[in-house]
């Protein structure tokens, strides 16, 4: 049983930075593609960023490209998301996800219901005030 636990969410002002973390337990995820998704109030869950098992391939949604950076530490079984220049429209619950077979690009077209992805965390709330 794999458990993904997100942390680092909170209330910040527009223009601030925040770093999210996802800690995995239960098994090593160093062979898995990992990703961040988010769900804003009243909207469907959407892709944010993904990283290959080696960290050598990164993929971002257009809305966060240049502002967010995804990274991983396989030795610690953790995933991170550095979020800079935050905007009110970044307000959402952020979810960590892991999948053995999907590439980062394939993660980018995952359905809002998350169908097909192996593991999901429960999310952490990020609120950006204007």
C-alpha atoms as a PDB file:
ATOM      1  CA  UNK A   1       0.000   0.000   0.000  1.00  0.00           C
ATOM      2  CA  UNK A   2       1.471   3.320  -1.111  1.00  0.00           C
ATOM      3  CA  UNK A   3       0.649   6.463   0.808  1.00  0.00           C
ATOM      4  CA  UNK A   4       1.269   9.924  -0.626  1.00  0.00           C
ATOM      5  CA  UNK A   5       1.056  12.815   1.823  1.00  0.00           C
ATOM      6  CA  UNK A   6       1.232  16.402   0.658  1.00  0.00           C
ATOM      7  CA  UNK A   7       2.328  19.304   2.848  1.00  0.00           C
ATOM      8  CA  UNK A   8       3.340  22.934   2.586  1.00  0.00           C
ATOM      9  CA  UNK A   9       0.060  24.524   1.603  1.00  0.00           C
ATOM     10  CA  UNK A  10      -1.174  27.710   3.185  1.00  0.00           C
ATOM     11  CA  UNK A  11      -2.371  31.263   2.701  1.00  0.00           C
ATOM     12  CA  UNK A  12      -0.056  33.630   0.830  1.00  0.00           C
ATOM     13  CA  UNK A  13      -0.327  36.905  -1.038  1.00  0.00           C
ATOM     14  CA  UNK A  14      -0.074  37.369  -4.765  1.00  0.00           C
ATOM     15  CA  UNK A  15       3.562  37.446  -5.834  1.00  0.00           C
ATOM     16  CA  UNK A  16       4.725  35.282  -2.948  1.00  0.00           C
ATOM     17  CA  UNK A  17       6.395  31.894  -3.156  1.00  0.00           C
ATOM     18  CA  UNK A  18       5.478  28.565  -1.617  1.00  0.00           C
ATOM     19  CA  UNK A  19       7.029  25.115  -1.686  1.00  0.00           C
ATOM     20  CA  UNK A  20       4.906  21.994  -1.604  1.00  0.00           C
ATOM     21  CA  UNK A  21       6.204  18.583  -0.660  1.00  0.00           C
ATOM     22  CA  UNK A  22       4.873  15.081  -1.154  1.00  0.00           C
ATOM     23  CA  UNK A  23       6.199  12.259   0.991  1.00  0.00           C
ATOM     24  CA  UNK A  24       5.719   8.720  -0.245  1.00  0.00           C
ATOM     25  CA  UNK A  25       5.706   5.641   1.937  1.00  0.00           C
ATOM     26  CA  UNK A  26       4.950   1.989   1.465  1.00  0.00           C
ATOM     27  CA  UNK A  27       7.317   1.372  -1.409  1.00  0.00           C
ATOM     28  CA  UNK A  28      10.061   3.195  -3.299  1.00  0.00           C
ATOM     29  CA  UNK A  29       8.710   5.299  -6.135  1.00  0.00           C
ATOM     30  CA  UNK A  30      12.016   5.764  -7.911  1.00  0.00           C
ATOM     31  CA  UNK A  31      10.626   3.925 -10.955  1.00  0.00           C
ATOM     32  CA  UNK A  32       7.461   6.001 -11.121  1.00  0.00           C
ATOM     33  CA  UNK A  33       6.593   9.166 -12.944  1.00  0.00           C
ATOM     34  CA  UNK A  34       5.305  11.648 -10.394  1.00  0.00           C
ATOM     35  CA  UNK A  35       3.158  14.695 -10.863  1.00  0.00           C
ATOM     36  CA  UNK A  36       1.218  17.530  -9.306  1.00  0.00           C
ATOM     37  CA  UNK A  37      -2.389  18.268 -10.091  1.00  0.00           C
ATOM     38  CA  UNK A  38      -4.717  20.881  -8.662  1.00  0.00           C
ATOM     39  CA  UNK A  39      -8.399  21.510  -8.244  1.00  0.00           C
ATOM     40  CA  UNK A  40      -9.710  25.019  -7.841  1.00  0.00           C
ATOM     41  CA  UNK A  41     -13.050  25.676  -6.137  1.00  0.00           C
ATOM     42  CA  UNK A  42     -15.884  24.757  -8.467  1.00  0.00           C
ATOM     43  CA  UNK A  43     -13.565  23.434 -11.170  1.00  0.00           C
ATOM     44  CA  UNK A  44     -12.291  20.087 -12.345  1.00  0.00           C
ATOM     45  CA  UNK A  45      -8.919  18.755 -11.348  1.00  0.00           C
ATOM     46  CA  UNK A  46      -6.166  19.778 -13.766  1.00  0.00           C
ATOM     47  CA  UNK A  47      -2.580  18.877 -14.488  1.00  0.00           C
ATOM     48  CA  UNK A  48       0.191  21.131 -13.156  1.00  0.00           C
ATOM     49  CA  UNK A  49       3.558  19.450 -13.646  1.00  0.00           C
ATOM     50  CA  UNK A  50       5.192  16.034 -13.980  1.00  0.00           C
ATOM     51  CA  UNK A  51       8.661  14.552 -13.685  1.00  0.00           C
ATOM     52  CA  UNK A  52      10.083  11.289 -14.955  1.00  0.00           C
ATOM     53  CA  UNK A  53      11.510   8.660 -12.618  1.00  0.00           C
ATOM     54  CA  UNK A  54      15.059   9.893 -13.227  1.00  0.00           C
ATOM     55  CA  UNK A  55      14.183  13.576 -13.071  1.00  0.00           C
ATOM     56  CA  UNK A  56      15.492  13.963 -16.588  1.00  0.00           C
ATOM     57  CA  UNK A  57      12.164  14.787 -18.206  1.00  0.00           C
ATOM     58  CA  UNK A  58       9.909  17.568 -16.960  1.00  0.00           C
ATOM     59  CA  UNK A  59       6.547  18.695 -18.253  1.00  0.00           C
ATOM     60  CA  UNK A  60       4.462  21.690 -17.215  1.00  0.00           C
ATOM     61  CA  UNK A  61       1.087  23.107 -17.964  1.00  0.00           C
ATOM     62  CA  UNK A  62       1.200  26.401 -19.829  1.00  0.00           C
ATOM     63  CA  UNK A  63      -0.415  28.199 -16.917  1.00  0.00           C
ATOM     64  CA  UNK A  64       2.524  27.507 -14.563  1.00  0.00           C
ATOM     65  CA  UNK A  65       5.466  27.242 -16.941  1.00  0.00           C
ATOM     66  CA  UNK A  66       8.232  29.601 -15.889  1.00  0.00           C
ATOM     67  CA  UNK A  67       6.797  30.085 -12.409  1.00  0.00           C
ATOM     68  CA  UNK A  68       6.667  26.570 -10.936  1.00  0.00           C
ATOM     69  CA  UNK A  69       9.476  24.016 -10.696  1.00  0.00           C
ATOM     70  CA  UNK A  70       8.935  20.332 -10.032  1.00  0.00           C
ATOM     71  CA  UNK A  71      11.687  18.205  -8.519  1.00  0.00           C
ATOM     72  CA  UNK A  72      12.165  14.902  -6.763  1.00  0.00           C
ATOM     73  CA  UNK A  73      14.539  13.203  -4.371  1.00  0.00           C
ATOM     74  CA  UNK A  74      14.438   9.473  -4.949  1.00  0.00           C
ATOM     75  CA  UNK A  75      16.693   8.787  -1.989  1.00  0.00           C
ATOM     76  CA  UNK A  76      14.102  10.398   0.281  1.00  0.00           C
ATOM     77  CA  UNK A  77      11.080   9.234  -1.726  1.00  0.00           C
ATOM     78  CA  UNK A  78       9.807  12.793  -1.982  1.00  0.00           C
ATOM     79  CA  UNK A  79       8.397  15.104  -4.616  1.00  0.00           C
ATOM     80  CA  UNK A  80       8.436  18.903  -4.460  1.00  0.00           C
ATOM     81  CA  UNK A  81       6.827  21.829  -6.221  1.00  0.00           C
ATOM     82  CA  UNK A  82       8.415  25.248  -5.922  1.00  0.00           C
ATOM     83  CA  UNK A  83       5.800  27.866  -6.743  1.00  0.00           C
ATOM     84  CA  UNK A  84       6.935  31.420  -7.424  1.00  0.00           C
ATOM     85  CA  UNK A  85       5.065  34.546  -8.465  1.00  0.00           C
ATOM     86  CA  UNK A  86       1.825  33.091  -7.195  1.00  0.00           C
ATOM     87  CA  UNK A  87      -1.441  34.452  -8.546  1.00  0.00           C
ATOM     88  CA  UNK A  88      -4.959  34.319  -7.107  1.00  0.00           C
ATOM     89  CA  UNK A  89      -5.875  31.896  -9.889  1.00  0.00           C
ATOM     90  CA  UNK A  90      -3.356  29.432  -8.444  1.00  0.00           C
ATOM     91  CA  UNK A  91      -5.694  28.973  -5.482  1.00  0.00           C
ATOM     92  CA  UNK A  92      -6.559  25.276  -5.348  1.00  0.00           C
ATOM     93  CA  UNK A  93      -6.085  22.004  -3.572  1.00  0.00           C
ATOM     94  CA  UNK A  94      -2.833  20.526  -4.864  1.00  0.00           C
ATOM     95  CA  UNK A  95      -2.520  16.766  -5.271  1.00  0.00           C
ATOM     96  CA  UNK A  96       0.505  14.557  -5.631  1.00  0.00           C
ATOM     97  CA  UNK A  97       0.268  11.560  -7.962  1.00  0.00           C
ATOM     98  CA  UNK A  98       2.447   8.663  -9.084  1.00  0.00           C
ATOM     99  CA  UNK A  99       2.212   6.237 -11.951  1.00  0.00           C
ATOM    100  CA  UNK A 100       4.504   3.464 -13.088  1.00  0.00           C
ATOM    101  CA  UNK A 101       3.690   3.425 -16.791  1.00  0.00           C
ATOM    102  CA  UNK A 102       2.812   6.984 -17.764  1.00  0.00           C
ATOM    103  CA  UNK A 103       5.319   9.440 -19.146  1.00  0.00           C
ATOM    104  CA  UNK A 104       5.264  13.031 -17.904  1.00  0.00           C
ATOM    105  CA  UNK A 105       3.530  14.057 -21.117  1.00  0.00           C
ATOM    106  CA  UNK A 106       0.894  11.368 -20.649  1.00  0.00           C
ATOM    107  CA  UNK A 107       0.273  12.676 -17.147  1.00  0.00           C
ATOM    108  CA  UNK A 108      -0.579  15.947 -18.827  1.00  0.00           C
ATOM    109  CA  UNK A 109      -3.712  14.465 -20.382  1.00  0.00           C
ATOM    110  CA  UNK A 110      -5.008  12.492 -17.409  1.00  0.00           C
ATOM    111  CA  UNK A 111      -8.751  12.786 -17.021  1.00  0.00           C
ATOM    112  CA  UNK A 112     -10.056  15.045 -14.254  1.00  0.00           C
ATOM    113  CA  UNK A 113     -11.283  12.007 -12.360  1.00  0.00           C
ATOM    114  CA  UNK A 114      -7.734  10.685 -12.280  1.00  0.00           C
ATOM    115  CA  UNK A 115      -8.582   7.467 -14.068  1.00  0.00           C
ATOM    116  CA  UNK A 116      -5.569   5.283 -14.731  1.00  0.00           C
ATOM    117  CA  UNK A 117      -3.150   6.880 -12.309  1.00  0.00           C
ATOM    118  CA  UNK A 118      -1.772   4.427  -9.781  1.00  0.00           C
ATOM    119  CA  UNK A 119      -1.611   6.550  -6.647  1.00  0.00           C
ATOM    120  CA  UNK A 120      -3.011   9.840  -5.376  1.00  0.00           C
ATOM    121  CA  UNK A 121      -2.511  11.900  -2.280  1.00  0.00           C
ATOM    122  CA  UNK A 122      -5.337  13.645  -0.458  1.00  0.00           C
ATOM    123  CA  UNK A 123      -4.155  17.141  -1.259  1.00  0.00           C
ATOM    124  CA  UNK A 124      -3.002  20.329   0.406  1.00  0.00           C
ATOM    125  CA  UNK A 125      -4.770  23.675   0.098  1.00  0.00           C
ATOM    126  CA  UNK A 126      -3.037  26.695  -1.367  1.00  0.00           C
ATOM    127  CA  UNK A 127      -4.825  30.028  -1.115  1.00  0.00           C
ATOM    128  CA  UNK A 128      -3.428  33.090  -2.849  1.00  0.00           C
ATOM    129  CA  UNK A 129      -4.965  36.402  -1.875  1.00  0.00           C
ATOM    130  CA  UNK A 130      -4.900  39.436  -4.136  1.00  0.00           C
END
